[in-house]
Protein backbone atom coordinates (compact mmCIF):
# COMPACT_ATOMS: atom_id res chain seq x y z
CA MET A 1 -5.62 -4.23 11.23
CA ARG A 2 -2.07 -4.82 12.51
CA VAL A 3 -0.65 -6.18 9.25
CA LEU A 4 -1.21 -2.86 7.48
CA SER A 5 0.59 -0.85 10.16
CA THR A 6 3.47 -3.25 10.80
CA THR A 7 4.43 -4.34 7.30
CA ASP A 8 7.63 -3.30 5.70
CA GLN A 9 6.06 -3.84 2.26
CA GLN A 10 4.66 -1.06 0.07
CA LEU A 11 0.89 -0.90 0.37
CA HIS A 12 -1.40 -0.28 -2.64
CA VAL A 13 -5.11 0.43 -3.07
CA SER A 14 -6.98 -0.39 -6.28
CA THR A 15 -9.11 2.34 -7.75
CA ILE A 16 -11.98 -0.17 -7.85
CA SER A 17 -12.05 0.10 -4.05
CA SER A 18 -13.10 3.72 -4.32
CA LEU A 19 -15.84 2.72 -6.76
CA GLU A 20 -17.09 0.11 -4.28
CA ILE A 21 -17.10 2.68 -1.37
CA ALA A 22 -18.93 5.17 -3.56
CA ARG A 23 -21.51 2.50 -4.41
CA LEU A 24 -22.02 1.72 -0.73
CA ILE A 25 -22.53 5.41 0.05
CA HIS A 26 -24.97 5.73 -2.89
CA VAL A 27 -27.17 2.90 -1.70
CA GLY A 28 -27.13 4.05 1.91
CA LEU A 29 -25.04 1.27 3.37
CA LEU A 30 -22.12 3.52 4.38
CA ASP A 31 -21.92 7.03 5.72
CA LEU A 32 -18.67 8.99 5.94
CA ASP A 33 -17.83 12.18 7.73
CA GLY A 34 -17.01 14.60 4.93
CA THR A 35 -16.57 13.75 1.26
CA LEU A 36 -15.45 10.51 -0.27
CA ASN A 37 -12.65 12.37 -1.99
CA LYS A 38 -11.29 13.67 1.36
CA TRP A 39 -11.73 10.29 3.02
CA VAL A 40 -9.78 8.49 0.24
CA LYS A 41 -7.01 11.14 0.24
CA ASP A 42 -6.73 11.02 4.07
CA SER A 43 -6.79 7.18 4.16
CA LEU A 44 -4.09 6.86 1.48
CA GLU A 45 -1.91 9.28 3.31
CA ALA A 46 -2.50 7.63 6.75
CA LEU A 47 -1.66 4.20 5.36
CA GLN A 48 1.12 5.58 3.13
CA CYS A 49 -0.47 3.73 0.19
CA GLY A 50 0.16 4.00 -3.47
CA THR A 51 -2.66 3.63 -6.00
CA VAL A 52 -2.99 0.82 -8.51
CA GLU A 53 -4.94 2.16 -11.46
CA MET A 54 -7.12 0.03 -13.70
CA SER A 55 -5.29 -1.17 -16.70
CA HIS A 56 -6.22 -3.01 -19.89
CA ALA A 57 -4.42 -6.10 -18.62
CA VAL A 58 -6.40 -6.05 -15.42
CA ALA A 59 -9.68 -5.48 -17.31
CA TYR A 60 -9.33 -8.56 -19.53
CA GLY A 61 -7.57 -10.53 -16.79
CA ALA A 62 -10.72 -10.17 -14.68
CA TYR A 63 -12.44 -12.49 -17.11
CA GLN A 64 -9.52 -14.84 -17.67
CA LEU A 65 -9.27 -15.96 -14.02
CA PRO A 66 -8.74 -19.68 -13.45
CA SER A 67 -12.04 -21.46 -12.98
CA GLY A 68 -14.04 -21.45 -9.78
CA PHE A 69 -14.31 -17.74 -9.20
CA HIS A 70 -17.73 -15.99 -8.82
CA LYS A 71 -19.22 -13.33 -11.09
CA ASP A 72 -19.01 -10.04 -9.14
CA PRO A 73 -17.19 -7.67 -11.44
CA ALA A 74 -15.52 -5.62 -8.68
CA ASP A 75 -14.17 -8.71 -6.91
CA ARG A 76 -12.91 -10.04 -10.28
CA ILE A 77 -11.07 -6.70 -10.84
CA LEU A 78 -9.55 -6.81 -7.32
CA VAL A 79 -8.31 -10.41 -7.88
CA ALA A 80 -6.99 -9.66 -11.38
CA THR A 81 -5.24 -6.53 -10.09
CA ALA A 82 -3.51 -8.52 -7.37
CA ARG A 83 -2.55 -11.25 -9.84
CA GLU A 84 -1.33 -8.76 -12.54
CA HIS A 85 0.91 -6.89 -10.03
CA GLN A 86 1.94 -9.94 -7.95
CA LEU A 87 0.32 -8.37 -4.80
CA THR A 88 -1.23 -9.97 -1.77
CA LEU A 89 -4.95 -9.00 -1.44
CA VAL A 90 -6.15 -8.04 2.03
CA THR A 91 -9.83 -8.79 2.32
CA ALA A 92 -12.60 -10.01 4.60
CA ASP A 93 -14.53 -11.43 1.61
CA GLU A 94 -14.81 -15.18 2.21
CA ARG A 95 -15.23 -16.01 -1.45
CA ILE A 96 -11.95 -14.23 -2.28
CA LEU A 97 -10.18 -15.80 0.72
CA ALA A 98 -11.28 -19.23 -0.44
CA TYR A 99 -10.02 -18.67 -4.03
CA LYS A 100 -6.60 -20.24 -4.26
CA ALA A 101 -5.54 -18.47 -7.48
CA VAL A 102 -4.59 -15.27 -5.56
CA LYS A 103 -2.55 -14.63 -2.50
CA THR A 104 -4.69 -13.21 0.35
CA ILE A 105 -4.56 -12.02 3.96
CA ASP A 106 -7.72 -12.27 6.04
CA ALA A 107 -8.57 -8.63 7.08
CA ARG A 108 -10.72 -9.89 9.95
CA LYS A 109 -7.65 -11.09 11.90
C-alpha cells in the first residue's frame, strides 16, 4: 500500500492487530513463514511503526462509541484506539470504512 510507504506521518500499530493475526493463525486462515513474534518485529521495523498499547481509556471507549457500530470486539478496540489517539485507521474492513465516527483510509487502494 503506497500510503504507508509515502507518508510523512508517524505510523502506529495497535496491539490488538497482533491478537487478530494470532487468531487467524490459530484457526488456520493464515500461515506465516517463521514465528508470529518475528513477523511482527520485522513488520514493525520495515514500516518504521510505533506500537499503540491497549489502555483503560481505549477499553471503555470501545463500548462508548457513537451509535451505529457493530459488535466485533477487536474492531471496536481498533476504532476506539484511533479515536483516543486522534489517528487515521488504515483498513480494508467495509464496516469500519463506512463508520463516520473515525477517520479512515481504505487499505485496498
